Amino acid sequence: MPLFCGRKDYGVQSFVLKLVNNHCSDVDALRDGPRLEGRVNLTLVVLVVPIERGKPRPEKTFTALTKEFATSGISLVLVEPKAPDEVLLGFYWEGGLKYVRGKAKHLSPMGGGFYQLGVQLSQMVHVSDWPGLEKLSF
């Protein structure tokens, strides 16, 4: 092996660093200006229960991944462009599911068949308030 040959992983490290820097929220803030509310990147599996005519539809529940959290909202990654106007989001927490009600604000294509759904969160919902939710799980 020649003494002065380049490290094989340098190209990988360089690419990953550029990829991360181009998607860093700090870099976005420099380009777009600061956001009024900070966001936290956090990936969790979440249940999405559509609400139709004011009532949850547990039979239409699907799963999604979270992308970012803010104190009043969340962004989800969906595998198809189905975005109910209102939803209950079920999070696994302390041995059970906790539900938060939210309203869809935007649906944007991400590429590769994925979509980002922005949801404004409004209130905690108790399972006892809506029959059918207690049967849901991951």
N, C-alpha and C. Protein backbone atom coordinates (compact mmCIF):
# COMPACT_ATOMS: atom_id res chain seq x y z
N MET A 1 0.84 -1.17 0.00
CA MET A 1 0.00 0.00 0.00
C MET A 1 0.89 1.24 0.00
N PRO A 2 0.68 2.14 -0.92
CA PRO A 2 1.49 3.35 -0.97
C PRO A 2 1.30 4.19 0.30
N LEU A 3 2.37 4.84 0.68
CA LEU A 3 2.36 5.63 1.90
C LEU A 3 1.45 6.85 1.81
N PHE A 4 1.35 7.47 0.64
CA PHE A 4 0.59 8.71 0.51
C PHE A 4 -0.75 8.55 -0.19
N CYS A 5 -1.34 7.37 -0.15
CA CYS A 5 -2.65 7.22 -0.80
C CYS A 5 -3.72 7.81 0.12
N GLY A 6 -4.77 8.33 -0.47
CA GLY A 6 -5.85 8.95 0.30
C GLY A 6 -6.65 7.91 1.07
N ARG A 7 -7.25 8.35 2.16
CA ARG A 7 -8.10 7.46 2.93
C ARG A 7 -9.33 7.13 2.11
N LYS A 8 -9.71 5.87 2.12
CA LYS A 8 -10.86 5.44 1.33
C LYS A 8 -12.17 6.03 1.84
N ASP A 9 -12.24 6.28 3.15
CA ASP A 9 -13.49 6.78 3.70
C ASP A 9 -13.61 8.30 3.64
N TYR A 10 -12.59 9.00 3.12
CA TYR A 10 -12.65 10.46 3.05
C TYR A 10 -13.81 10.91 2.17
N GLY A 11 -14.03 10.27 1.04
CA GLY A 11 -15.13 10.65 0.15
C GLY A 11 -16.47 10.48 0.84
N VAL A 12 -16.63 9.41 1.60
CA VAL A 12 -17.87 9.18 2.33
C VAL A 12 -18.06 10.26 3.40
N GLN A 13 -17.02 10.52 4.18
CA GLN A 13 -17.11 11.52 5.24
C GLN A 13 -17.42 12.90 4.67
N SER A 14 -16.81 13.24 3.58
CA SER A 14 -17.03 14.54 2.95
C SER A 14 -18.48 14.66 2.48
N PHE A 15 -18.99 13.62 1.83
CA PHE A 15 -20.36 13.63 1.34
C PHE A 15 -21.36 13.74 2.49
N VAL A 16 -21.17 12.93 3.53
CA VAL A 16 -22.10 12.96 4.67
C VAL A 16 -22.07 14.32 5.34
N LEU A 17 -20.92 14.91 5.51
CA LEU A 17 -20.81 16.23 6.13
C LEU A 17 -21.56 17.28 5.29
N LYS A 18 -21.39 17.25 3.99
CA LYS A 18 -22.09 18.21 3.12
C LYS A 18 -23.60 17.98 3.18
N LEU A 19 -24.02 16.72 3.18
CA LEU A 19 -25.44 16.38 3.23
C LEU A 19 -26.06 16.90 4.53
N VAL A 20 -25.41 16.65 5.65
CA VAL A 20 -25.92 17.11 6.94
C VAL A 20 -25.93 18.63 7.01
N ASN A 21 -24.87 19.27 6.59
CA ASN A 21 -24.81 20.73 6.63
C ASN A 21 -25.89 21.37 5.78
N ASN A 22 -26.21 20.77 4.65
CA ASN A 22 -27.24 21.33 3.77
C ASN A 22 -28.65 21.14 4.31
N HIS A 23 -28.80 20.29 5.32
CA HIS A 23 -30.12 20.06 5.91
C HIS A 23 -30.16 20.46 7.39
N CYS A 24 -29.20 21.21 7.81
CA CYS A 24 -29.09 21.64 9.20
C CYS A 24 -29.99 22.84 9.45
N SER A 25 -30.76 22.82 10.54
CA SER A 25 -31.67 23.92 10.84
C SER A 25 -30.92 25.23 11.08
N ASP A 26 -29.69 25.16 11.60
CA ASP A 26 -28.91 26.38 11.80
C ASP A 26 -28.56 27.03 10.46
N VAL A 27 -28.23 26.22 9.47
CA VAL A 27 -27.92 26.75 8.14
C VAL A 27 -29.19 27.31 7.50
N ASP A 28 -30.32 26.62 7.67
CA ASP A 28 -31.60 27.13 7.15
C ASP A 28 -31.92 28.50 7.73
N ALA A 29 -31.65 28.68 9.02
CA ALA A 29 -31.94 29.96 9.67
C ALA A 29 -31.09 31.08 9.08
N LEU A 30 -29.86 30.78 8.71
CA LEU A 30 -29.01 31.78 8.07
C LEU A 30 -29.55 32.18 6.71
N ARG A 31 -30.06 31.20 5.98
CA ARG A 31 -30.55 31.43 4.63
C ARG A 31 -31.95 32.07 4.65
N ASP A 32 -32.86 31.52 5.46
CA ASP A 32 -34.26 31.94 5.44
C ASP A 32 -34.62 32.93 6.54
N GLY A 33 -33.73 33.17 7.46
CA GLY A 33 -34.04 34.00 8.62
C GLY A 33 -34.54 33.11 9.76
N PRO A 34 -34.41 33.58 10.97
CA PRO A 34 -34.79 32.75 12.11
C PRO A 34 -36.29 32.49 12.16
N ARG A 35 -36.66 31.31 12.63
CA ARG A 35 -38.06 30.99 12.83
C ARG A 35 -38.53 31.59 14.14
N LEU A 36 -39.82 31.86 14.21
CA LEU A 36 -40.37 32.41 15.44
C LEU A 36 -40.33 31.40 16.57
N GLU A 37 -40.40 30.14 16.23
CA GLU A 37 -40.39 29.08 17.24
C GLU A 37 -39.37 28.03 16.85
N GLY A 38 -38.58 27.61 17.80
CA GLY A 38 -37.58 26.58 17.52
C GLY A 38 -38.21 25.23 17.26
N ARG A 39 -37.47 24.39 16.59
CA ARG A 39 -37.94 23.04 16.28
C ARG A 39 -36.88 22.04 16.72
N VAL A 40 -37.35 20.85 17.04
CA VAL A 40 -36.46 19.78 17.44
C VAL A 40 -36.66 18.62 16.48
N ASN A 41 -35.58 18.14 15.88
CA ASN A 41 -35.66 16.96 15.03
C ASN A 41 -35.79 15.74 15.93
N LEU A 42 -36.85 14.98 15.73
CA LEU A 42 -37.09 13.78 16.52
C LEU A 42 -37.91 12.82 15.69
N THR A 43 -37.42 11.60 15.55
CA THR A 43 -38.11 10.60 14.74
C THR A 43 -38.75 9.57 15.65
N LEU A 44 -40.07 9.51 15.60
CA LEU A 44 -40.87 8.54 16.36
C LEU A 44 -41.94 7.98 15.45
N VAL A 45 -42.40 6.78 15.75
CA VAL A 45 -43.56 6.23 15.06
C VAL A 45 -44.80 6.78 15.77
N VAL A 46 -45.78 7.22 15.01
CA VAL A 46 -47.00 7.80 15.57
C VAL A 46 -48.21 7.20 14.86
N LEU A 47 -49.29 6.98 15.61
CA LEU A 47 -50.56 6.58 15.01
C LEU A 47 -51.29 7.83 14.55
N VAL A 48 -51.86 7.79 13.38
CA VAL A 48 -52.63 8.92 12.85
C VAL A 48 -54.07 8.44 12.70
N VAL A 49 -54.96 9.02 13.51
CA VAL A 49 -56.38 8.66 13.49
C VAL A 49 -57.13 9.82 12.86
N PRO A 50 -57.66 9.65 11.66
CA PRO A 50 -58.42 10.73 11.02
C PRO A 50 -59.66 11.08 11.84
N ILE A 51 -60.02 12.36 11.85
CA ILE A 51 -61.27 12.83 12.45
C ILE A 51 -62.16 13.29 11.31
N GLU A 52 -63.35 12.72 11.24
CA GLU A 52 -64.33 13.10 10.21
C GLU A 52 -65.63 13.46 10.89
N ARG A 53 -66.18 14.59 10.51
CA ARG A 53 -67.43 15.10 11.11
C ARG A 53 -67.34 15.16 12.63
N GLY A 54 -66.17 15.54 13.12
CA GLY A 54 -65.97 15.73 14.55
C GLY A 54 -65.69 14.49 15.36
N LYS A 55 -65.62 13.31 14.70
CA LYS A 55 -65.40 12.07 15.44
C LYS A 55 -64.21 11.30 14.87
N PRO A 56 -63.38 10.74 15.75
CA PRO A 56 -62.25 9.91 15.28
C PRO A 56 -62.76 8.69 14.54
N ARG A 57 -61.99 8.28 13.53
CA ARG A 57 -62.32 7.09 12.74
C ARG A 57 -61.21 6.06 12.93
N PRO A 58 -61.23 5.30 14.05
CA PRO A 58 -60.16 4.34 14.34
C PRO A 58 -59.91 3.33 13.23
N GLU A 59 -60.95 2.99 12.48
CA GLU A 59 -60.79 2.00 11.39
C GLU A 59 -59.95 2.54 10.25
N LYS A 60 -59.72 3.84 10.19
CA LYS A 60 -58.90 4.45 9.14
C LYS A 60 -57.50 4.84 9.63
N THR A 61 -57.13 4.35 10.81
CA THR A 61 -55.84 4.68 11.40
C THR A 61 -54.68 4.18 10.55
N PHE A 62 -53.63 4.98 10.45
CA PHE A 62 -52.40 4.57 9.79
C PHE A 62 -51.21 5.09 10.60
N THR A 63 -50.04 4.62 10.28
CA THR A 63 -48.84 5.07 11.00
C THR A 63 -48.04 6.03 10.13
N ALA A 64 -47.26 6.85 10.80
CA ALA A 64 -46.37 7.80 10.14
C ALA A 64 -45.14 7.97 11.03
N LEU A 65 -44.17 8.70 10.51
CA LEU A 65 -42.98 9.05 11.28
C LEU A 65 -42.99 10.54 11.56
N THR A 66 -42.57 10.91 12.76
CA THR A 66 -42.41 12.32 13.05
C THR A 66 -41.10 12.79 12.44
N LYS A 67 -41.04 14.08 12.13
CA LYS A 67 -39.83 14.67 11.57
C LYS A 67 -39.31 15.76 12.50
N GLU A 68 -40.18 16.70 12.83
CA GLU A 68 -39.81 17.82 13.69
C GLU A 68 -40.93 18.10 14.68
N PHE A 69 -40.54 18.61 15.84
CA PHE A 69 -41.49 19.03 16.86
C PHE A 69 -41.26 20.49 17.20
N ALA A 70 -42.34 21.19 17.46
CA ALA A 70 -42.32 22.52 18.05
C ALA A 70 -43.36 22.49 19.17
N THR A 71 -43.41 23.49 20.00
CA THR A 71 -44.36 23.43 21.11
C THR A 71 -45.81 23.41 20.66
N SER A 72 -46.10 23.95 19.50
CA SER A 72 -47.49 23.99 19.03
C SER A 72 -47.75 23.15 17.79
N GLY A 73 -46.73 22.48 17.28
CA GLY A 73 -46.94 21.73 16.05
C GLY A 73 -45.92 20.64 15.85
N ILE A 74 -46.16 19.90 14.79
CA ILE A 74 -45.33 18.75 14.48
C ILE A 74 -45.34 18.55 12.97
N SER A 75 -44.28 18.00 12.43
CA SER A 75 -44.32 17.60 11.03
C SER A 75 -44.16 16.09 10.97
N LEU A 76 -44.94 15.50 10.09
CA LEU A 76 -44.96 14.05 9.91
C LEU A 76 -44.48 13.70 8.51
N VAL A 77 -43.89 12.53 8.38
CA VAL A 77 -43.52 12.01 7.07
C VAL A 77 -44.52 10.90 6.74
N LEU A 78 -45.22 11.08 5.62
CA LEU A 78 -46.22 10.12 5.16
C LEU A 78 -45.74 9.43 3.89
N VAL A 79 -46.24 8.23 3.65
CA VAL A 79 -45.85 7.49 2.45
C VAL A 79 -46.83 7.67 1.30
N GLU A 80 -47.88 8.43 1.52
CA GLU A 80 -48.80 8.78 0.44
C GLU A 80 -49.48 10.09 0.81
N PRO A 81 -50.02 10.77 -0.17
CA PRO A 81 -50.58 12.10 0.10
C PRO A 81 -51.98 12.06 0.69
N LYS A 82 -52.17 11.29 1.76
CA LYS A 82 -53.48 11.32 2.41
C LYS A 82 -53.34 12.11 3.70
N ALA A 83 -54.00 13.25 3.73
CA ALA A 83 -53.88 14.15 4.86
C ALA A 83 -55.27 14.59 5.30
N PRO A 84 -55.80 13.94 6.31
CA PRO A 84 -57.10 14.38 6.83
C PRO A 84 -56.98 15.81 7.37
N ASP A 85 -58.07 16.54 7.33
CA ASP A 85 -58.07 17.92 7.85
C ASP A 85 -57.81 17.96 9.34
N GLU A 86 -58.36 16.99 10.07
CA GLU A 86 -58.13 16.90 11.51
C GLU A 86 -57.71 15.48 11.86
N VAL A 87 -56.87 15.37 12.89
CA VAL A 87 -56.35 14.05 13.28
C VAL A 87 -56.18 13.98 14.80
N LEU A 88 -56.13 12.75 15.27
CA LEU A 88 -55.60 12.46 16.59
C LEU A 88 -54.28 11.76 16.35
N LEU A 89 -53.24 12.20 17.04
CA LEU A 89 -51.93 11.56 16.92
C LEU A 89 -51.68 10.77 18.19
N GLY A 90 -51.42 9.48 18.01
CA GLY A 90 -51.18 8.60 19.15
C GLY A 90 -49.70 8.34 19.33
N PHE A 91 -49.18 8.71 20.49
CA PHE A 91 -47.77 8.53 20.83
C PHE A 91 -47.65 7.48 21.92
N TYR A 92 -46.72 6.56 21.77
CA TYR A 92 -46.46 5.60 22.84
C TYR A 92 -45.70 6.33 23.93
N TRP A 93 -46.27 6.34 25.15
CA TRP A 93 -45.66 7.09 26.25
C TRP A 93 -46.02 6.42 27.57
N GLU A 94 -45.01 6.15 28.36
CA GLU A 94 -45.16 5.58 29.69
C GLU A 94 -46.07 4.36 29.70
N GLY A 95 -45.82 3.44 28.78
CA GLY A 95 -46.53 2.18 28.75
C GLY A 95 -47.89 2.19 28.08
N GLY A 96 -48.29 3.29 27.49
CA GLY A 96 -49.58 3.36 26.82
C GLY A 96 -49.57 4.41 25.74
N LEU A 97 -50.71 4.62 25.13
CA LEU A 97 -50.84 5.63 24.08
C LEU A 97 -51.41 6.92 24.65
N LYS A 98 -50.80 8.03 24.29
CA LYS A 98 -51.29 9.37 24.61
C LYS A 98 -51.70 10.01 23.30
N TYR A 99 -52.88 10.64 23.27
CA TYR A 99 -53.40 11.22 22.04
C TYR A 99 -53.42 12.75 22.12
N VAL A 100 -53.07 13.36 21.00
CA VAL A 100 -53.10 14.81 20.85
C VAL A 100 -53.91 15.12 19.60
N ARG A 101 -54.83 16.06 19.72
CA ARG A 101 -55.64 16.47 18.57
C ARG A 101 -54.90 17.54 17.78
N GLY A 102 -55.04 17.49 16.45
CA GLY A 102 -54.38 18.47 15.62
C GLY A 102 -55.11 18.73 14.33
N LYS A 103 -54.73 19.83 13.70
CA LYS A 103 -55.33 20.25 12.43
C LYS A 103 -54.21 20.35 11.39
N ALA A 104 -54.45 19.74 10.22
CA ALA A 104 -53.47 19.79 9.14
C ALA A 104 -53.32 21.21 8.63
N LYS A 105 -52.07 21.64 8.43
CA LYS A 105 -51.79 22.99 7.93
C LYS A 105 -51.22 22.99 6.52
N HIS A 106 -50.42 22.00 6.19
CA HIS A 106 -49.87 21.91 4.84
C HIS A 106 -49.43 20.48 4.56
N LEU A 107 -49.42 20.13 3.29
CA LEU A 107 -48.93 18.84 2.82
C LEU A 107 -48.00 19.13 1.66
N SER A 108 -46.74 18.74 1.81
CA SER A 108 -45.73 19.07 0.80
C SER A 108 -45.00 17.81 0.34
N PRO A 109 -44.83 17.64 -0.98
CA PRO A 109 -44.04 16.50 -1.45
C PRO A 109 -42.58 16.66 -1.05
N MET A 110 -41.96 15.55 -0.64
CA MET A 110 -40.55 15.55 -0.25
C MET A 110 -39.68 14.91 -1.32
N GLY A 111 -40.31 14.17 -2.24
CA GLY A 111 -39.57 13.41 -3.23
C GLY A 111 -39.56 11.94 -2.86
N GLY A 112 -39.36 11.09 -3.83
CA GLY A 112 -39.28 9.66 -3.59
C GLY A 112 -40.58 9.04 -3.11
N GLY A 113 -41.70 9.73 -3.28
CA GLY A 113 -42.98 9.20 -2.85
C GLY A 113 -43.33 9.52 -1.40
N PHE A 114 -42.56 10.39 -0.75
CA PHE A 114 -42.83 10.78 0.62
C PHE A 114 -43.43 12.19 0.66
N TYR A 115 -44.21 12.45 1.72
CA TYR A 115 -44.87 13.74 1.88
C TYR A 115 -44.70 14.21 3.32
N GLN A 116 -44.57 15.51 3.48
CA GLN A 116 -44.47 16.10 4.81
C GLN A 116 -45.78 16.78 5.14
N LEU A 117 -46.37 16.39 6.27
CA LEU A 117 -47.61 16.97 6.73
C LEU A 117 -47.33 17.81 7.98
N GLY A 118 -47.67 19.08 7.91
CA GLY A 118 -47.55 19.96 9.07
C GLY A 118 -48.86 19.96 9.83
N VAL A 119 -48.79 19.71 11.14
CA VAL A 119 -49.99 19.62 11.97
C VAL A 119 -49.86 20.59 13.14
N GLN A 120 -50.86 21.44 13.30
CA GLN A 120 -50.92 22.32 14.46
C GLN A 120 -51.65 21.58 15.57
N LEU A 121 -51.00 21.42 16.72
CA LEU A 121 -51.57 20.67 17.83
C LEU A 121 -52.45 21.57 18.68
N SER A 122 -53.57 21.01 19.20
CA SER A 122 -54.50 21.86 19.94
C SER A 122 -54.82 21.37 21.34
N GLN A 123 -54.98 20.05 21.54
CA GLN A 123 -55.38 19.59 22.88
C GLN A 123 -55.06 18.13 23.09
N MET A 124 -54.91 17.76 24.36
CA MET A 124 -54.76 16.36 24.73
C MET A 124 -56.15 15.73 24.70
N VAL A 125 -56.20 14.46 24.32
CA VAL A 125 -57.47 13.74 24.24
C VAL A 125 -57.34 12.47 25.07
N HIS A 126 -58.33 12.21 25.89
CA HIS A 126 -58.33 11.01 26.71
C HIS A 126 -59.03 9.87 25.98
N VAL A 127 -58.47 8.69 26.08
CA VAL A 127 -59.02 7.51 25.40
C VAL A 127 -60.47 7.29 25.81
N SER A 128 -60.79 7.54 27.05
CA SER A 128 -62.15 7.31 27.55
C SER A 128 -63.19 8.20 26.87
N ASP A 129 -62.75 9.30 26.27
CA ASP A 129 -63.67 10.22 25.59
C ASP A 129 -64.13 9.69 24.23
N TRP A 130 -63.40 8.75 23.65
CA TRP A 130 -63.70 8.27 22.30
C TRP A 130 -63.63 6.75 22.24
N PRO A 131 -64.77 6.08 22.25
CA PRO A 131 -64.77 4.61 22.13
C PRO A 131 -64.06 4.18 20.85
N GLY A 132 -63.33 3.12 20.95
CA GLY A 132 -62.60 2.58 19.80
C GLY A 132 -61.10 2.87 19.86
N LEU A 133 -60.72 3.95 20.53
CA LEU A 133 -59.30 4.28 20.61
C LEU A 133 -58.54 3.30 21.50
N GLU A 134 -59.22 2.76 22.51
CA GLU A 134 -58.55 1.84 23.43
C GLU A 134 -58.08 0.55 22.75
N LYS A 135 -58.63 0.24 21.60
CA LYS A 135 -58.26 -0.99 20.87
C LYS A 135 -57.02 -0.78 19.98
N LEU A 136 -56.63 0.45 19.76
CA LEU A 136 -55.52 0.74 18.85
C LEU A 136 -54.17 0.46 19.52
N SER A 137 -53.23 0.02 18.69
CA SER A 137 -51.86 -0.19 19.16
C SER A 137 -50.94 -0.16 17.95
N PHE A 138 -49.64 -0.19 18.23
CA PHE A 138 -48.65 -0.21 17.16
C PHE A 138 -48.45 -1.61 16.68
